[in-house]
Amino acid sequence: MIKKKIVIATGGTGGHVFPAYSLANYLKKKNFSIKLTSDKRGSYYLQDYNNLKLVKIPSSPLIKKNFFKFFYSFFIITFSIIKSLSILIFDRPSLILGMGGYASFPICFAAFILRIKFIIYENNLIIGKANKYLLPFAKKIFVSYKELEGIPEKYKDRAVEIGNIVREEIINSNVSDHSTTRFDGLNILVLGGSQGARVFADEFPQIFKKLKESNIKIKIYQQCHHSQNDQLSQFYKKAQIDFEIFNFTSNIIDYYSKSNLVITRSGASVLGELINFKIPFISIPLPTSADNHQYKNAVFYTKRGYGNFLEEKDIKNKLYDLIVSTFDDKSILSSILLKQQQHSDKDIFKNLYSQIEKICNEKN
């Protein structure tokens, strides 16, 4: 039996790369021939995974600030499309899957030129720029939620709600009973996103110190940039706060297992993982996220009762009170956990496999 070839285009942040890797791994086990394409940033997150073919393709957003930056970004995008054309002409895959972000644009656009079917995936609550440009040419757009904003009416029939693509280890994990008895103390996991968050390292320690002084038993697991390691370690040692500092890790599930409250940026990928792992969270949107998509994610997940959110400007004045009220009022925790338990993406890969098989077998 000849394996069907699929190219999965990803890159940029971990929020795009980890769902791509999870999907690639699953499809490989289903006897597809899989190739991943990624830019330099995205390939950093894949450096520990040697079980998949990876091709690096440079990427850039189209920068319009001045002539020289525009010309340079246009050159990179054009070069990337040409390189993508050469890859696809040589491989001639059955299908391309674009995982969102500008790093997936060149290979999907090359697929359009060569009349190769492609699908795009959007896990945020507002369609990203690259996906918006690609939508008129895409066979389908897979979306995490039907509430996605920004799809023109004439393309809405291309949207297929499939849920959150999260790591298989999370889908298959035996999540322990998340009763409120877990909250005799706070084990706080701080996630600044795959890029780290300087503001978290600057402002959270004083808040955690205040929690300890309020006689709340706490332990901190904080992800940060390696340049912040010493700053945080010295503060927590001096404040006599139990802590563990870590930088980027592909083994984040270990930290999920140790935690009972997560404070995180509002990327769709991490929020999808947290609701499937059943951990209460406070999400703090990145104010500079494109089209303010992290704010939209945070509001959506909060309205569904999966967690709370706070704007970055309110960290100093409101984060301490929000943590204390969440910790003290067990009914809040019970409500969050109940809502999370009612959500599941357990069938995500089966749904994807069914859709992909159907599209691969369709005649153009």
Protein backbone atom coordinates (compact mmCIF):
# COMPACT_ATOMS: atom_id res chain seq x y z
CA MET A 1 0.00 0.00 0.00
CA ILE A 2 1.44 3.34 -1.09
CA LYS A 3 1.54 5.88 1.74
CA LYS A 4 -0.22 9.16 1.11
CA LYS A 5 2.12 12.11 1.47
CA ILE A 6 1.14 15.03 3.67
CA VAL A 7 3.11 18.20 4.34
CA ILE A 8 2.38 20.07 7.58
CA ALA A 9 3.47 23.71 7.50
CA THR A 10 4.21 25.39 10.82
CA GLY A 11 6.68 27.73 12.50
CA GLY A 12 6.94 30.76 14.75
CA THR A 13 5.82 30.18 18.33
CA GLY A 14 5.24 27.00 20.29
CA GLY A 15 1.50 27.66 20.00
CA HIS A 16 1.71 26.82 16.30
CA VAL A 17 4.46 24.20 16.49
CA PHE A 18 3.23 21.83 19.22
CA PRO A 19 -0.20 21.19 17.64
CA ALA A 20 1.60 20.60 14.32
CA TYR A 21 3.94 18.07 15.89
CA SER A 22 1.09 16.27 17.66
CA LEU A 23 -0.87 16.01 14.42
CA ALA A 24 2.20 14.87 12.45
CA ASN A 25 2.96 12.17 14.99
CA TYR A 26 -0.62 10.88 14.93
CA LEU A 27 -0.86 10.81 11.13
CA LYS A 28 2.48 9.03 10.87
CA LYS A 29 1.07 6.25 13.05
CA LYS A 30 -1.91 6.11 10.66
CA ASN A 31 0.48 5.21 7.83
CA PHE A 32 0.77 8.61 6.17
CA SER A 33 4.16 9.83 4.93
CA ILE A 34 4.66 13.08 6.84
CA LYS A 35 6.98 16.01 6.26
CA LEU A 36 7.08 19.10 8.49
CA THR A 37 8.16 22.52 7.25
CA SER A 38 9.13 25.22 9.73
CA ASP A 39 11.08 28.44 9.98
CA LYS A 40 14.12 28.93 12.21
CA ARG A 41 12.09 29.96 15.26
CA GLY A 42 9.72 27.01 15.01
CA SER A 43 12.49 24.48 14.43
CA TYR A 44 13.93 25.40 17.84
CA TYR A 45 10.92 23.75 19.50
CA LEU A 46 11.35 20.64 17.35
CA GLN A 47 15.06 20.09 17.97
CA ASP A 48 14.46 17.21 20.38
CA TYR A 49 12.14 15.36 17.99
CA ASN A 50 14.05 13.25 15.48
CA ASN A 51 11.24 10.95 14.41
CA LEU A 52 9.87 13.27 11.68
CA LYS A 53 11.29 14.77 8.50
CA LEU A 54 11.81 18.51 8.96
CA VAL A 55 12.58 21.05 6.24
CA LYS A 56 13.46 24.63 7.20
CA ILE A 57 11.92 27.44 5.17
CA PRO A 58 12.68 31.07 6.07
CA SER A 59 9.68 33.24 6.90
CA SER A 60 8.75 36.85 7.54
CA PRO A 61 5.59 38.88 7.99
CA LEU A 62 5.05 41.53 5.35
CA ILE A 63 6.53 44.60 7.05
CA LYS A 64 5.12 47.91 5.76
CA LYS A 65 6.83 50.35 8.16
CA ASN A 66 9.41 51.60 5.67
CA PHE A 67 10.60 50.85 2.14
CA PHE A 68 13.72 48.89 3.11
CA LYS A 69 11.93 46.61 5.59
CA PHE A 70 9.10 46.11 3.11
CA PHE A 71 11.54 45.17 0.34
CA TYR A 72 13.46 42.80 2.63
CA SER A 73 10.34 41.04 3.93
CA PHE A 74 8.93 40.81 0.38
CA PHE A 75 12.20 39.23 -0.77
CA ILE A 76 12.13 36.64 2.06
CA ILE A 77 8.50 35.72 1.33
CA THR A 78 9.19 35.41 -2.41
CA PHE A 79 12.29 33.27 -1.79
CA SER A 80 10.27 31.07 0.60
CA ILE A 81 7.51 30.56 -1.97
CA ILE A 82 10.10 29.56 -4.60
CA LYS A 83 11.73 27.11 -2.16
CA SER A 84 8.28 25.76 -1.28
CA LEU A 85 7.51 25.24 -4.99
CA SER A 86 10.68 23.18 -5.42
CA ILE A 87 9.79 21.02 -2.38
CA LEU A 88 6.25 20.37 -3.58
CA ILE A 89 7.23 19.71 -7.22
CA PHE A 90 9.71 17.10 -6.01
CA ASP A 91 7.41 15.48 -3.40
CA ARG A 92 3.95 16.10 -4.91
CA PRO A 93 2.02 15.45 -1.66
CA SER A 94 -1.69 14.61 -1.56
CA LEU A 95 -2.45 17.39 0.91
CA ILE A 96 -0.92 20.37 2.73
CA LEU A 97 -1.94 21.33 6.27
CA GLY A 98 -1.18 24.93 7.24
CA MET A 99 -1.13 25.43 11.00
CA GLY A 100 -1.53 29.21 10.99
CA GLY A 101 0.95 32.06 11.32
CA TYR A 102 3.02 33.65 8.58
CA ALA A 103 5.48 30.72 8.54
CA SER A 104 2.80 28.52 6.98
CA PHE A 105 1.95 31.00 4.21
CA PRO A 106 4.68 30.23 1.60
CA ILE A 107 4.08 26.47 1.42
CA CYS A 108 0.28 26.90 1.27
CA PHE A 109 0.53 29.57 -1.43
CA ALA A 110 2.90 27.33 -3.41
CA ALA A 111 0.31 24.54 -3.07
CA PHE A 112 -2.31 26.85 -4.58
CA ILE A 113 -0.02 27.62 -7.55
CA LEU A 114 0.54 23.89 -8.14
CA ARG A 115 -3.13 23.05 -7.60
CA ILE A 116 -2.40 20.85 -4.58
CA LYS A 117 -5.22 20.76 -2.02
CA PHE A 118 -4.52 22.46 1.29
CA ILE A 119 -6.31 22.95 4.60
CA ILE A 120 -5.65 25.68 7.14
CA TYR A 121 -6.13 25.46 10.90
CA GLU A 122 -7.13 28.30 13.23
CA ASN A 123 -7.19 27.76 16.99
CA ASN A 124 -7.70 31.39 18.02
CA LEU A 125 -11.07 33.18 18.23
CA ILE A 126 -10.24 35.61 15.41
CA ILE A 127 -8.76 34.45 12.13
CA GLY A 128 -5.07 35.33 11.71
CA LYS A 129 -3.78 37.44 8.82
CA ALA A 130 -2.00 34.59 7.03
CA ASN A 131 -5.07 32.36 7.23
CA LYS A 132 -7.30 35.20 6.07
CA TYR A 133 -5.16 35.65 2.94
CA LEU A 134 -5.15 31.90 2.29
CA LEU A 135 -8.84 31.24 2.99
CA PRO A 136 -10.13 31.97 -0.58
CA PHE A 137 -7.82 29.23 -1.92
CA ALA A 138 -8.11 26.67 0.89
CA LYS A 139 -10.16 23.49 0.63
CA LYS A 140 -11.28 23.82 4.26
CA ILE A 141 -10.46 25.77 7.39
CA PHE A 142 -10.43 23.66 10.54
CA VAL A 143 -11.41 25.74 13.57
CA SER A 144 -11.30 25.05 17.29
CA TYR A 145 -14.64 26.79 17.90
CA LYS A 146 -17.51 27.82 15.64
CA GLU A 147 -17.44 31.26 17.33
CA LEU A 148 -14.33 32.19 15.31
CA GLU A 149 -14.55 35.79 14.08
CA GLY A 150 -13.32 37.23 10.79
CA ILE A 151 -14.45 34.66 8.21
CA PRO A 152 -16.32 36.38 5.34
CA GLU A 153 -19.85 35.06 4.84
CA LYS A 154 -19.06 33.54 1.44
CA TYR A 155 -16.36 31.30 2.94
CA LYS A 156 -18.20 30.16 6.08
CA ASP A 157 -19.17 26.86 4.47
CA ARG A 158 -15.46 25.96 4.42
CA ALA A 159 -15.20 26.08 8.23
CA VAL A 160 -15.21 22.76 10.06
CA GLU A 161 -15.27 22.81 13.88
CA ILE A 162 -12.86 20.10 15.05
CA GLY A 163 -11.79 21.25 18.54
CA ASN A 164 -8.37 21.98 20.03
CA ILE A 165 -5.36 20.14 18.65
CA VAL A 166 -3.41 19.45 21.83
CA ARG A 167 -0.57 17.10 22.63
CA GLU A 168 -1.55 13.43 22.57
CA GLU A 169 0.03 12.93 26.01
CA ILE A 170 -2.54 15.36 27.41
CA ILE A 171 -5.45 13.75 25.57
CA ASN A 172 -4.38 10.32 26.79
CA SER A 173 -3.32 11.28 30.32
CA ASN A 174 -5.22 9.86 33.28
CA VAL A 175 -6.06 13.15 34.91
CA SER A 176 -6.46 12.68 38.64
CA ASP A 177 -9.58 13.70 40.52
CA HIS A 178 -9.49 17.48 40.63
CA SER A 179 -11.53 18.03 43.77
CA THR A 180 -11.10 21.14 45.85
CA THR A 181 -9.22 19.10 48.47
CA ARG A 182 -6.22 19.70 46.24
CA PHE A 183 -6.27 23.32 47.39
CA ASP A 184 -4.91 23.10 50.92
CA GLY A 185 -2.08 25.20 49.48
CA LEU A 186 -1.22 26.89 46.19
CA ASN A 187 1.11 25.24 43.70
CA ILE A 188 1.26 28.02 41.13
CA LEU A 189 2.60 27.38 37.65
CA VAL A 190 3.61 30.54 35.77
CA LEU A 191 3.79 30.28 31.98
CA GLY A 192 5.01 33.24 29.99
CA GLY A 193 4.44 31.62 26.62
CA SER A 194 7.14 29.98 24.53
CA GLN A 195 8.94 33.34 24.35
CA GLY A 196 8.89 33.95 28.12
CA ALA A 197 7.30 37.05 29.69
CA ARG A 198 9.47 39.73 31.27
CA VAL A 199 6.55 41.44 32.99
CA PHE A 200 5.72 38.20 34.85
CA ALA A 201 9.26 37.97 36.20
CA ASP A 202 9.23 41.63 37.20
CA GLU A 203 5.83 41.86 38.90
CA PHE A 204 4.78 38.42 40.16
CA PRO A 205 7.45 37.85 42.86
CA GLN A 206 6.18 40.70 45.07
CA ILE A 207 2.62 39.36 44.76
CA PHE A 208 3.75 35.84 45.69
CA LYS A 209 5.65 37.26 48.67
CA LYS A 210 2.46 38.96 49.83
CA LEU A 211 0.59 35.65 49.53
CA LYS A 212 3.17 33.94 51.74
CA GLU A 213 2.95 36.76 54.28
CA SER A 214 -0.83 36.16 54.32
CA ASN A 215 -0.08 32.64 55.62
CA ILE A 216 -1.06 30.92 52.36
CA LYS A 217 1.14 27.91 51.73
CA ILE A 218 2.62 28.34 48.26
CA LYS A 219 5.09 26.76 45.87
CA ILE A 220 6.02 28.48 42.62
CA TYR A 221 6.95 26.82 39.34
CA GLN A 222 7.95 29.65 37.02
CA GLN A 223 8.86 29.52 33.36
CA CYS A 224 11.06 32.41 32.32
CA HIS A 225 13.80 33.46 29.93
CA HIS A 226 17.21 32.14 30.97
CA SER A 227 18.40 35.74 31.54
CA GLN A 228 15.83 36.00 34.39
CA ASN A 229 16.92 32.87 36.27
CA ASP A 230 19.22 34.58 38.77
CA GLN A 231 16.87 37.51 39.42
CA LEU A 232 13.98 35.21 40.33
CA SER A 233 16.03 32.63 42.24
CA GLN A 234 17.62 35.26 44.47
CA PHE A 235 14.26 36.89 45.24
CA TYR A 236 12.48 33.65 46.13
CA LYS A 237 15.35 32.42 48.28
CA LYS A 238 15.42 35.69 50.20
CA ALA A 239 11.62 35.62 50.63
CA GLN A 240 11.83 31.95 51.72
CA ILE A 241 9.36 30.89 49.05
CA ASP A 242 9.52 27.32 47.81
CA PHE A 243 10.18 27.55 44.08
CA GLU A 244 11.42 25.92 40.90
CA ILE A 245 12.60 27.97 37.93
CA PHE A 246 12.67 26.51 34.43
CA ASN A 247 13.11 27.75 30.88
CA PHE A 248 11.57 26.28 27.76
CA THR A 249 10.71 22.60 28.18
CA SER A 250 8.94 20.09 25.95
CA ASN A 251 7.98 18.17 29.10
CA ILE A 252 5.47 20.71 30.40
CA ILE A 253 3.05 17.96 31.45
CA ASP A 254 5.22 17.26 34.51
CA TYR A 255 4.56 20.81 35.67
CA TYR A 256 0.85 20.57 34.92
CA SER A 257 0.73 17.52 37.19
CA LYS A 258 2.36 19.39 40.08
CA SER A 259 0.14 22.48 39.88
CA ASN A 260 -3.33 23.47 41.02
CA LEU A 261 -3.39 27.01 39.58
CA VAL A 262 -1.79 28.30 36.40
CA ILE A 263 -1.09 31.92 35.50
CA THR A 264 -0.45 32.15 31.80
CA ARG A 265 -0.55 34.16 28.62
CA SER A 266 -3.73 33.63 26.63
CA GLY A 267 -2.49 31.72 23.61
CA ALA A 268 -5.12 29.32 22.27
CA SER A 269 -2.76 26.36 22.39
CA VAL A 270 -1.94 26.58 26.11
CA LEU A 271 -5.53 27.35 27.13
CA GLY A 272 -6.69 24.32 25.16
CA GLU A 273 -4.16 22.17 27.00
CA LEU A 274 -5.20 23.48 30.42
CA ILE A 275 -8.91 22.81 29.99
CA ASN A 276 -8.15 19.29 28.79
CA PHE A 277 -5.82 18.71 31.77
CA LYS A 278 -8.43 20.23 34.11
CA ILE A 279 -6.42 22.95 35.87
CA PRO A 280 -7.94 26.30 36.96
CA PHE A 281 -6.11 29.23 35.40
CA ILE A 282 -5.79 32.99 35.29
CA SER A 283 -4.94 34.12 31.79
CA ILE A 284 -3.24 37.44 31.10
CA PRO A 285 -3.42 38.40 27.41
CA LEU A 286 -0.35 39.75 25.65
CA PRO A 287 -1.42 43.35 24.87
CA THR A 288 0.59 43.43 21.62
CA SER A 289 -0.81 40.19 20.16
CA ALA A 290 -1.91 40.52 16.53
CA ASP A 291 -5.51 41.76 16.25
CA ASN A 292 -5.64 41.49 20.05
CA HIS A 293 -6.40 37.78 19.57
CA GLN A 294 -5.14 36.81 23.04
CA TYR A 295 -7.68 39.14 24.65
CA LYS A 296 -10.46 37.53 22.60
CA ASN A 297 -9.23 34.08 23.65
CA ALA A 298 -9.18 35.10 27.33
CA VAL A 299 -12.69 36.59 27.26
CA PHE A 300 -14.11 33.55 25.43
CA TYR A 301 -12.62 31.00 27.84
CA THR A 302 -13.68 33.06 30.87
CA LYS A 303 -17.27 33.39 29.60
CA ARG A 304 -17.38 29.61 29.28
CA GLY A 305 -16.33 29.33 32.92
CA TYR A 306 -13.01 27.58 32.25
CA GLY A 307 -10.92 30.10 34.20
CA ASN A 308 -10.43 33.80 34.94
CA PHE A 309 -8.56 36.52 33.13
CA LEU A 310 -6.84 39.77 33.98
CA GLU A 311 -5.42 42.49 31.76
CA GLU A 312 -1.69 43.12 32.06
CA LYS A 313 -2.24 46.71 33.23
CA ASP A 314 -4.15 45.36 36.26
CA ILE A 315 -1.50 42.91 37.53
CA LYS A 316 -0.20 45.14 40.33
CA ASN A 317 -3.61 46.19 41.64
CA LYS A 318 -5.79 43.12 41.09
CA LEU A 319 -3.81 39.88 40.75
CA TYR A 320 -3.28 39.35 44.50
CA ASP A 321 -7.00 39.79 45.28
CA LEU A 322 -8.01 37.52 42.39
CA ILE A 323 -5.71 34.73 43.56
CA VAL A 324 -6.89 35.03 47.17
CA SER A 325 -10.59 35.07 46.26
CA THR A 326 -10.10 32.05 43.98
CA PHE A 327 -8.23 30.20 46.73
CA ASP A 328 -10.62 31.12 49.54
CA ASP A 329 -13.92 30.54 47.74
CA LYS A 330 -14.03 26.82 46.98
CA SER A 331 -17.29 27.29 45.07
CA ILE A 332 -15.36 29.26 42.42
CA LEU A 333 -12.89 26.40 42.05
CA SER A 334 -15.67 23.82 41.98
CA SER A 335 -17.48 25.75 39.23
CA ILE A 336 -14.31 26.07 37.10
CA LEU A 337 -13.44 22.40 37.45
CA LEU A 338 -17.00 21.33 36.66
CA LYS A 339 -17.01 23.39 33.46
CA GLN A 340 -13.62 21.99 32.46
CA GLN A 341 -14.76 18.43 33.11
CA GLN A 342 -17.68 19.01 30.75
CA HIS A 343 -15.23 19.82 27.95
CA SER A 344 -13.16 17.23 26.12
CA ASP A 345 -11.10 17.13 22.93
CA LYS A 346 -10.55 13.40 23.28
CA ASP A 347 -11.85 12.70 19.76
CA ILE A 348 -9.83 15.45 18.09
CA PHE A 349 -7.41 13.16 16.24
CA LYS A 350 -10.14 10.74 15.14
CA ASN A 351 -12.12 13.71 13.78
CA LEU A 352 -9.07 15.04 11.97
CA TYR A 353 -8.17 11.66 10.52
CA SER A 354 -11.70 11.22 9.18
CA GLN A 355 -11.73 14.69 7.59
CA ILE A 356 -8.23 14.32 6.11
CA GLU A 357 -8.96 10.89 4.63
CA LYS A 358 -12.14 12.26 3.05
CA ILE A 359 -10.36 15.28 1.52
CA CYS A 360 -7.40 13.21 0.29
CA ASN A 361 -9.79 10.84 -1.51
CA GLU A 362 -11.85 13.60 -3.13
CA LYS A 363 -11.21 14.41 -6.77
CA ASN A 364 -10.08 17.96 -7.41
